[in-house]
Structure formats: structure tokens, C-alpha cells
Amino acid sequence: MAEFKSELESKIVEVENVIKKFLPEEEGYQKTVLEAMNYSMLAGGKRLRPLMMLESFKMSGGTDTSVVEPFMAAIEMIHNYSLVHDDLPAMDNDDYRRGRKTTHKVYGAGMATLAGDGLLNYAFETAMKSFDVSSVDEHRVIKALRILAQKAGIYGMVGGQCADIVAEGKNSSSEEEIIFIHEHKTAAMIESSLMIGAVLAGADDETVKKLEKTGSNVGIAFQIQDDILDVIGDEEKLGKPVGSDEKNEKTTYVRLHGVDNSSEEVRRLSEEALEIIKSVSSNSGFMCELVESLISRDR
């Protein structure tokens, strides 16, 4: 475990350096929105999505990381745009994220809205820089761009966010609705990371499909584990109050099935994901450890 943690920290530093390389310069009449964009991007975080993309690329036989780096930065921009918008007064109205003031508390709601818009658009400008790499296969980049757009949009993350907002106004949600929200709001961008890494490395369609299923399992299991921790977690470790779902009368997978059955479902989903990863590549040790750490976490 200590060896994995050390390797993880090293890889996160590598990912951070890639992200910083693609951030926009804070200059010109649009300087304020660029500052707000970078404020969000440099707030830290797990960097899970670009890390999984890089590992998927390497696992699938990719060697020239300059091909995948623009997409690594792009997917983190999309993730952060969604967080900036989630925090807005019209959405979750949060004042703090990752231990510091949210973008709208620093720059105002209007500028934060523009910062989110800017990050989403700039993500695609950034991803298209892969076309500039001399060794690139343009057909792979086009395929990767289609995945990035679809998984981030109305049939992916945005669709999941929509279903989540609609569910807030209901007294109860069905299991089907809960899984739809988890699958789209959270899992879609994990699927995107794994699929894009494989596509850019030249993996075949069957492998890409398997990794999409892996991302789905990981994302759903991650969210169910979140629900479990809200019931039995340690507030000190979590850094936030537990019991908020019950207090807000939110229907979760745990409320429908109980802690024990939910834990069993997390185990089933994670074991299936690990089996798929191992079937895809013999060079999957770190990815398997990463998935296990995400799903078995206590914070």
C-alpha cells in the first residue's frame, strides 16, 4: 500500500505538470475570466480522470504521451467547469470547495458562469492540439473528440445532472433513476477517460467497449460508496458531516437496499471492473490498485 501511495503521488505530480502546460495566459481584456478559469483549475483535487486516461493509454500500448496530453488537460477542464457551475447559487450554492472559496464567491456569479463556459470551450480547443503532434493518427483524434463531446453532454454528464436536479423535487426516486444519475453524472466522464486513452493508443473497438463498461462500474460503485459513507463514515476522516442524505430526505441506493446489500453491490461492481481491466492488459497493476483504492476508500 505504501508503494502504491508513493507511485500515485508521483503520477499526480506528472499529471499536474501536464495540466499547467495547457492553461491559458492571464492577459488581455478577457483577463478576469482567464484568472477565474485558472483559479478553478489550480484548486487541487484527485486528478482522477486525466490520470486514468494516461494509464489507459499506456495500458493499451501507447508510447508517445504528447498525443494524449492535450486530452488529459481537456477532460480536467470539463470536470472543473462542471464543479464551477455546480457551486453556483442557482445550483448547489456552495461557498467552499477543496478548502478554499468557490469561484463564484471570489469572482461573482456572472464571472463564474463565464469561467465554466470558458473551460468547456477551451477544453475542446486544447484537445484539438493533439492534431499538431507529428506522430498522431488523425482518425484516432477524431474518434476521441466524439467520445469526449458525447460523454460530457446531454447524453452523458449534463443529462445526469439534469436527472439529479429533477429528482430533488421528488419525495422518492426509483433504483432505475438513481443508477441513471450515477451512470451519467459521475461514470460518464470516467468512461470517457478510459476510452479516450485506449483510442489514442490504437486499441480495437472491443477493448474500448470493455473499458467503457469498466468506467461505468467504477463510477456507479464510487457513488454508492459515497452513499454508504454518508451513513457510516467518520466525519473527521470525511471532512464533512455525515447523515446529510437522510436529513435532506434524499433517496439513495443505500436507503433502498441498506448498507450491507449496498456494500455487496460495490464489491460486485468493483470485482467485475478489475476482471475486465486484467483481461484487457497484463500491464494493469497500477490501474487495478487505483480502482481498488477509489472504491474501498473511507473518505
Protein backbone atom coordinates (compact mmCIF):
# COMPACT_ATOMS: atom_id res chain seq x y z
CA MET A 1 0.00 0.00 0.00
CA ALA A 2 2.84 2.41 0.84
CA GLU A 3 4.44 1.66 -2.53
CA PHE A 4 1.14 2.38 -4.33
CA LYS A 5 0.66 5.67 -2.46
CA SER A 6 4.17 6.78 -3.40
CA GLU A 7 3.63 5.86 -7.04
CA LEU A 8 0.22 7.59 -7.03
CA GLU A 9 1.71 10.82 -5.64
CA SER A 10 4.42 10.74 -8.30
CA LYS A 11 1.91 10.22 -11.09
CA ILE A 12 -0.34 13.03 -9.80
CA VAL A 13 2.63 15.42 -9.96
CA GLU A 14 3.17 14.29 -13.56
CA VAL A 15 -0.49 14.97 -14.37
CA GLU A 16 -0.38 18.38 -12.64
CA ASN A 17 2.57 19.39 -14.82
CA VAL A 18 0.68 18.37 -17.95
CA ILE A 19 -2.39 20.39 -16.93
CA LYS A 20 -0.36 23.52 -16.12
CA LYS A 21 1.25 23.33 -19.56
CA PHE A 22 -2.10 23.88 -21.25
CA LEU A 23 -3.63 26.59 -19.06
CA PRO A 24 -4.30 29.93 -20.79
CA GLU A 25 -2.18 33.03 -20.16
CA GLU A 26 -3.97 35.60 -17.98
CA GLU A 27 -3.83 38.62 -20.28
CA GLY A 28 -5.90 40.93 -22.48
CA TYR A 29 -9.35 42.42 -21.93
CA GLN A 30 -10.63 38.93 -21.06
CA LYS A 31 -8.02 38.59 -18.29
CA THR A 32 -10.59 38.30 -15.46
CA VAL A 33 -12.35 35.26 -16.91
CA LEU A 34 -8.97 33.63 -17.59
CA GLU A 35 -7.97 34.22 -13.96
CA ALA A 36 -11.25 32.68 -12.80
CA MET A 37 -10.71 29.66 -15.07
CA ASN A 38 -7.21 29.09 -13.75
CA TYR A 39 -8.35 29.66 -10.15
CA SER A 40 -10.66 26.67 -10.56
CA MET A 41 -8.10 24.53 -12.37
CA LEU A 42 -5.37 25.10 -9.78
CA ALA A 43 -7.53 24.31 -6.75
CA GLY A 44 -6.12 20.79 -6.50
CA GLY A 45 -8.17 17.61 -6.47
CA LYS A 46 -7.56 13.94 -7.20
CA ARG A 47 -6.87 14.49 -10.93
CA LEU A 48 -8.53 11.10 -11.31
CA ARG A 49 -9.80 11.49 -14.88
CA PRO A 50 -6.54 12.58 -16.58
CA LEU A 51 -4.63 10.01 -14.52
CA MET A 52 -6.94 7.20 -15.64
CA MET A 53 -6.68 8.42 -19.23
CA LEU A 54 -2.89 8.32 -19.12
CA GLU A 55 -2.87 4.86 -17.53
CA SER A 56 -5.38 3.57 -20.09
CA PHE A 57 -3.18 4.94 -22.88
CA LYS A 58 -0.09 3.20 -21.53
CA MET A 59 -2.01 0.02 -20.70
CA SER A 60 -3.26 -0.11 -24.31
CA GLY A 61 0.25 0.11 -25.73
CA GLY A 62 0.57 3.88 -26.22
CA THR A 63 4.09 5.30 -26.05
CA ASP A 64 4.10 8.92 -27.28
CA THR A 65 2.32 10.69 -24.41
CA SER A 66 2.35 14.01 -26.29
CA VAL A 67 -0.65 12.63 -28.21
CA VAL A 68 -2.75 12.07 -25.07
CA GLU A 69 -1.62 15.09 -23.01
CA PRO A 70 -3.99 17.65 -24.63
CA PHE A 71 -6.93 15.34 -23.87
CA MET A 72 -5.73 14.88 -20.29
CA ALA A 73 -5.85 18.64 -19.77
CA ALA A 74 -9.16 18.89 -21.65
CA ILE A 75 -11.00 16.33 -19.53
CA GLU A 76 -9.88 18.05 -16.33
CA MET A 77 -11.13 21.37 -17.75
CA ILE A 78 -14.53 19.80 -18.39
CA HIS A 79 -14.59 18.31 -14.90
CA ASN A 80 -13.75 21.68 -13.34
CA TYR A 81 -16.29 23.58 -15.44
CA SER A 82 -18.95 21.24 -14.05
CA LEU A 83 -17.77 21.94 -10.49
CA VAL A 84 -17.78 25.72 -11.01
CA HIS A 85 -21.35 25.55 -12.31
CA ASP A 86 -22.42 23.08 -9.59
CA ASP A 87 -21.28 25.54 -6.92
CA LEU A 88 -23.28 28.47 -8.32
CA PRO A 89 -26.18 29.96 -6.29
CA ALA A 90 -28.64 28.62 -8.89
CA MET A 91 -27.35 25.08 -8.34
CA ASP A 92 -25.80 23.86 -5.05
CA ASN A 93 -24.86 27.33 -3.75
CA ASP A 94 -21.62 26.16 -2.11
CA ASP A 95 -19.18 28.65 -0.59
CA TYR A 96 -16.17 26.35 -0.28
CA ARG A 97 -14.56 23.60 -2.33
CA ARG A 98 -11.29 21.81 -1.59
CA GLY A 99 -10.73 24.02 1.41
CA ARG A 100 -10.99 27.40 -0.30
CA LYS A 101 -13.69 29.76 -1.54
CA THR A 102 -15.59 28.66 -4.62
CA THR A 103 -15.09 30.53 -7.89
CA HIS A 104 -18.37 32.47 -7.63
CA LYS A 105 -17.50 33.63 -4.09
CA VAL A 106 -14.25 35.13 -5.38
CA TYR A 107 -15.27 36.42 -8.82
CA GLY A 108 -19.06 36.71 -8.59
CA ALA A 109 -21.77 34.50 -10.07
CA GLY A 110 -21.66 36.11 -13.51
CA MET A 111 -17.91 35.72 -13.97
CA ALA A 112 -18.01 32.19 -12.54
CA THR A 113 -20.66 31.29 -15.12
CA LEU A 114 -18.38 32.63 -17.85
CA ALA A 115 -15.40 30.77 -16.35
CA GLY A 116 -17.33 27.50 -16.60
CA ASP A 117 -18.35 28.32 -20.18
CA GLY A 118 -14.75 29.24 -20.93
CA LEU A 119 -13.37 25.99 -19.53
CA LEU A 120 -15.82 23.87 -21.52
CA ASN A 121 -14.98 25.63 -24.79
CA TYR A 122 -11.26 25.80 -24.10
CA ALA A 123 -11.27 22.07 -23.34
CA PHE A 124 -12.05 21.36 -26.99
CA GLU A 125 -9.53 23.93 -28.22
CA THR A 126 -6.97 22.15 -26.07
CA ALA A 127 -7.92 18.60 -27.10
CA MET A 128 -7.56 19.57 -30.76
CA LYS A 129 -3.88 20.38 -30.16
CA SER A 130 -3.37 16.63 -30.48
CA PHE A 131 -3.66 17.20 -34.25
CA ASP A 132 -0.38 19.16 -34.05
CA VAL A 133 1.62 16.14 -32.85
CA SER A 134 3.66 14.81 -35.77
CA SER A 135 3.15 11.13 -34.88
CA VAL A 136 -0.61 11.40 -34.45
CA ASP A 137 -3.21 9.29 -36.24
CA GLU A 138 -5.88 11.89 -37.06
CA HIS A 139 -8.67 9.31 -37.23
CA ARG A 140 -7.96 8.36 -33.61
CA VAL A 141 -8.13 12.00 -32.52
CA ILE A 142 -11.47 12.48 -34.29
CA LYS A 143 -12.84 9.37 -32.57
CA ALA A 144 -11.54 10.61 -29.20
CA LEU A 145 -13.17 14.02 -29.71
CA ARG A 146 -16.53 12.38 -30.42
CA ILE A 147 -16.28 10.40 -27.17
CA LEU A 148 -15.28 13.50 -25.19
CA ALA A 149 -18.21 15.52 -26.54
CA GLN A 150 -20.83 12.79 -26.10
CA LYS A 151 -19.83 11.77 -22.56
CA ALA A 152 -19.75 15.41 -21.39
CA GLY A 153 -23.06 16.40 -22.97
CA ILE A 154 -26.80 15.82 -22.74
CA TYR A 155 -26.39 12.06 -23.21
CA GLY A 156 -23.67 11.98 -20.57
CA MET A 157 -22.74 14.23 -17.65
CA VAL A 158 -25.20 17.06 -18.39
CA GLY A 159 -28.02 14.54 -18.74
CA GLY A 160 -27.13 13.04 -15.37
CA GLN A 161 -27.06 16.46 -13.75
CA CYS A 162 -30.48 17.18 -15.22
CA ALA A 163 -31.92 13.97 -13.75
CA ASP A 164 -30.34 14.79 -10.39
CA ILE A 165 -31.96 18.25 -10.27
CA VAL A 166 -35.35 16.82 -11.27
CA ALA A 167 -35.02 14.17 -8.54
CA GLU A 168 -34.53 16.87 -5.88
CA GLY A 169 -38.14 17.89 -6.25
CA LYS A 170 -39.49 14.39 -5.73
CA ASN A 171 -40.30 12.58 -2.49
CA SER A 172 -38.70 9.40 -3.76
CA SER A 173 -36.66 8.08 -6.67
CA SER A 174 -36.61 4.59 -8.16
CA GLU A 175 -33.46 2.46 -8.32
CA GLU A 176 -33.51 2.95 -12.09
CA GLU A 177 -33.40 6.75 -11.68
CA ILE A 178 -30.61 6.57 -9.08
CA ILE A 179 -28.45 4.34 -11.28
CA PHE A 180 -29.13 6.60 -14.29
CA ILE A 181 -27.87 9.61 -12.32
CA HIS A 182 -24.74 7.77 -11.13
CA GLU A 183 -24.08 6.36 -14.59
CA HIS A 184 -24.33 9.73 -16.33
CA LYS A 185 -23.37 12.36 -13.77
CA THR A 186 -20.28 10.53 -12.47
CA ALA A 187 -19.44 7.44 -14.51
CA ALA A 188 -19.69 9.04 -17.98
CA MET A 189 -16.51 11.09 -17.59
CA ILE A 190 -14.61 8.12 -16.11
CA GLU A 191 -15.75 6.07 -19.10
CA SER A 192 -14.56 8.89 -21.34
CA SER A 193 -11.11 8.89 -19.72
CA LEU A 194 -10.58 5.17 -20.15
CA MET A 195 -12.00 5.07 -23.68
CA ILE A 196 -10.01 8.05 -24.98
CA GLY A 197 -6.73 6.73 -23.59
CA ALA A 198 -7.33 3.41 -25.35
CA VAL A 199 -8.50 5.00 -28.62
CA LEU A 200 -5.44 7.26 -28.86
CA ALA A 201 -3.19 4.27 -28.23
CA GLY A 202 -4.82 2.41 -31.14
CA ALA A 203 -6.89 -0.13 -29.20
CA ASP A 204 -9.60 -2.03 -31.09
CA ASP A 205 -13.32 -1.37 -30.64
CA GLU A 206 -13.83 -4.41 -28.40
CA THR A 207 -11.19 -3.19 -25.95
CA VAL A 208 -12.66 0.32 -25.92
CA LYS A 209 -16.10 -1.15 -25.20
CA LYS A 210 -14.71 -3.19 -22.31
CA LEU A 211 -13.08 -0.10 -20.81
CA GLU A 212 -16.36 1.81 -21.17
CA LYS A 213 -18.00 -0.91 -19.05
CA THR A 214 -15.15 -0.65 -16.54
CA GLY A 215 -15.71 3.10 -16.22
CA SER A 216 -19.42 2.55 -15.73
CA ASN A 217 -18.83 0.05 -12.91
CA VAL A 218 -16.24 2.24 -11.21
CA GLY A 219 -18.40 5.38 -11.37
CA ILE A 220 -21.54 3.68 -10.03
CA ALA A 221 -19.60 1.87 -7.28
CA PHE A 222 -17.87 5.14 -6.34
CA GLN A 223 -21.22 6.88 -5.85
CA ILE A 224 -22.79 4.02 -3.92
CA GLN A 225 -19.72 4.03 -1.65
CA ASP A 226 -20.31 7.77 -1.18
CA ASP A 227 -23.86 6.99 -0.04
CA ILE A 228 -22.56 4.34 2.36
CA LEU A 229 -20.02 6.75 3.88
CA ASP A 230 -22.80 9.29 4.41
CA VAL A 231 -24.42 6.72 6.71
CA ILE A 232 -21.47 5.05 8.47
CA GLY A 233 -18.49 7.27 7.65
CA ASP A 234 -16.20 9.08 10.08
CA GLU A 235 -16.86 12.83 9.94
CA GLU A 236 -13.26 13.61 10.86
CA LYS A 237 -11.89 11.48 8.02
CA LEU A 238 -14.51 12.64 5.53
CA GLY A 239 -14.06 16.31 6.40
CA LYS A 240 -17.82 16.87 6.14
CA PRO A 241 -20.94 15.97 8.16
CA VAL A 242 -22.49 12.54 7.71
CA GLY A 243 -26.23 11.91 7.54
CA SER A 244 -26.92 14.70 5.06
CA ASP A 245 -28.80 12.41 2.66
CA GLU A 246 -31.27 11.37 5.38
CA LYS A 247 -31.58 14.95 6.63
CA ASN A 248 -32.38 16.16 3.11
CA GLU A 249 -34.74 13.20 2.57
CA LYS A 250 -32.70 12.17 -0.46
CA THR A 251 -33.43 8.73 -1.87
CA THR A 252 -30.15 6.87 -2.34
CA TYR A 253 -29.15 3.33 -3.22
CA VAL A 254 -28.43 2.77 0.49
CA ARG A 255 -31.88 3.97 1.57
CA LEU A 256 -33.44 1.49 -0.86
CA HIS A 257 -31.22 -1.52 -0.12
CA GLY A 258 -29.46 -0.93 3.22
CA VAL A 259 -25.75 -0.71 4.00
CA ASP A 260 -24.94 -4.45 3.76
CA ASN A 261 -26.59 -5.01 0.37
CA SER A 262 -25.10 -1.75 -0.94
CA SER A 263 -21.61 -2.83 0.17
CA GLU A 264 -22.15 -6.14 -1.61
CA GLU A 265 -23.10 -4.29 -4.81
CA VAL A 266 -19.97 -2.13 -4.56
CA ARG A 267 -17.91 -5.31 -4.19
CA ARG A 268 -19.63 -6.96 -7.18
CA LEU A 269 -19.17 -3.93 -9.45
CA SER A 270 -15.54 -3.45 -8.46
CA GLU A 271 -14.62 -7.13 -8.91
CA GLU A 272 -16.20 -7.13 -12.37
CA ALA A 273 -14.28 -3.94 -13.25
CA LEU A 274 -10.99 -5.46 -12.09
CA GLU A 275 -11.59 -8.64 -14.09
CA ILE A 276 -12.19 -6.58 -17.25
CA ILE A 277 -9.05 -4.48 -16.70
CA LYS A 278 -6.93 -7.61 -16.25
CA SER A 279 -8.42 -9.15 -19.40
CA VAL A 280 -7.51 -6.06 -21.42
CA SER A 281 -3.84 -5.82 -20.44
CA SER A 282 -1.17 -7.66 -18.50
CA ASN A 283 0.30 -4.24 -17.70
CA SER A 284 -2.62 -3.23 -15.48
CA GLY A 285 -1.24 -3.47 -11.94
CA PHE A 286 -1.36 0.22 -11.11
CA MET A 287 -4.80 0.70 -12.68
CA CYS A 288 -6.19 -2.19 -10.60
CA GLU A 289 -4.75 -0.71 -7.40
CA LEU A 290 -6.16 2.70 -8.32
CA VAL A 291 -9.66 1.29 -8.83
CA GLU A 292 -9.48 -0.65 -5.55
CA SER A 293 -8.37 2.48 -3.67
CA LEU A 294 -11.28 4.52 -5.06
CA ILE A 295 -13.96 2.01 -4.20
CA SER A 296 -12.68 0.81 -0.83
CA ARG A 297 -11.98 4.34 0.46
CA ASP A 298 -13.18 5.60 3.83
CA ARG A 299 -13.12 9.31 2.95
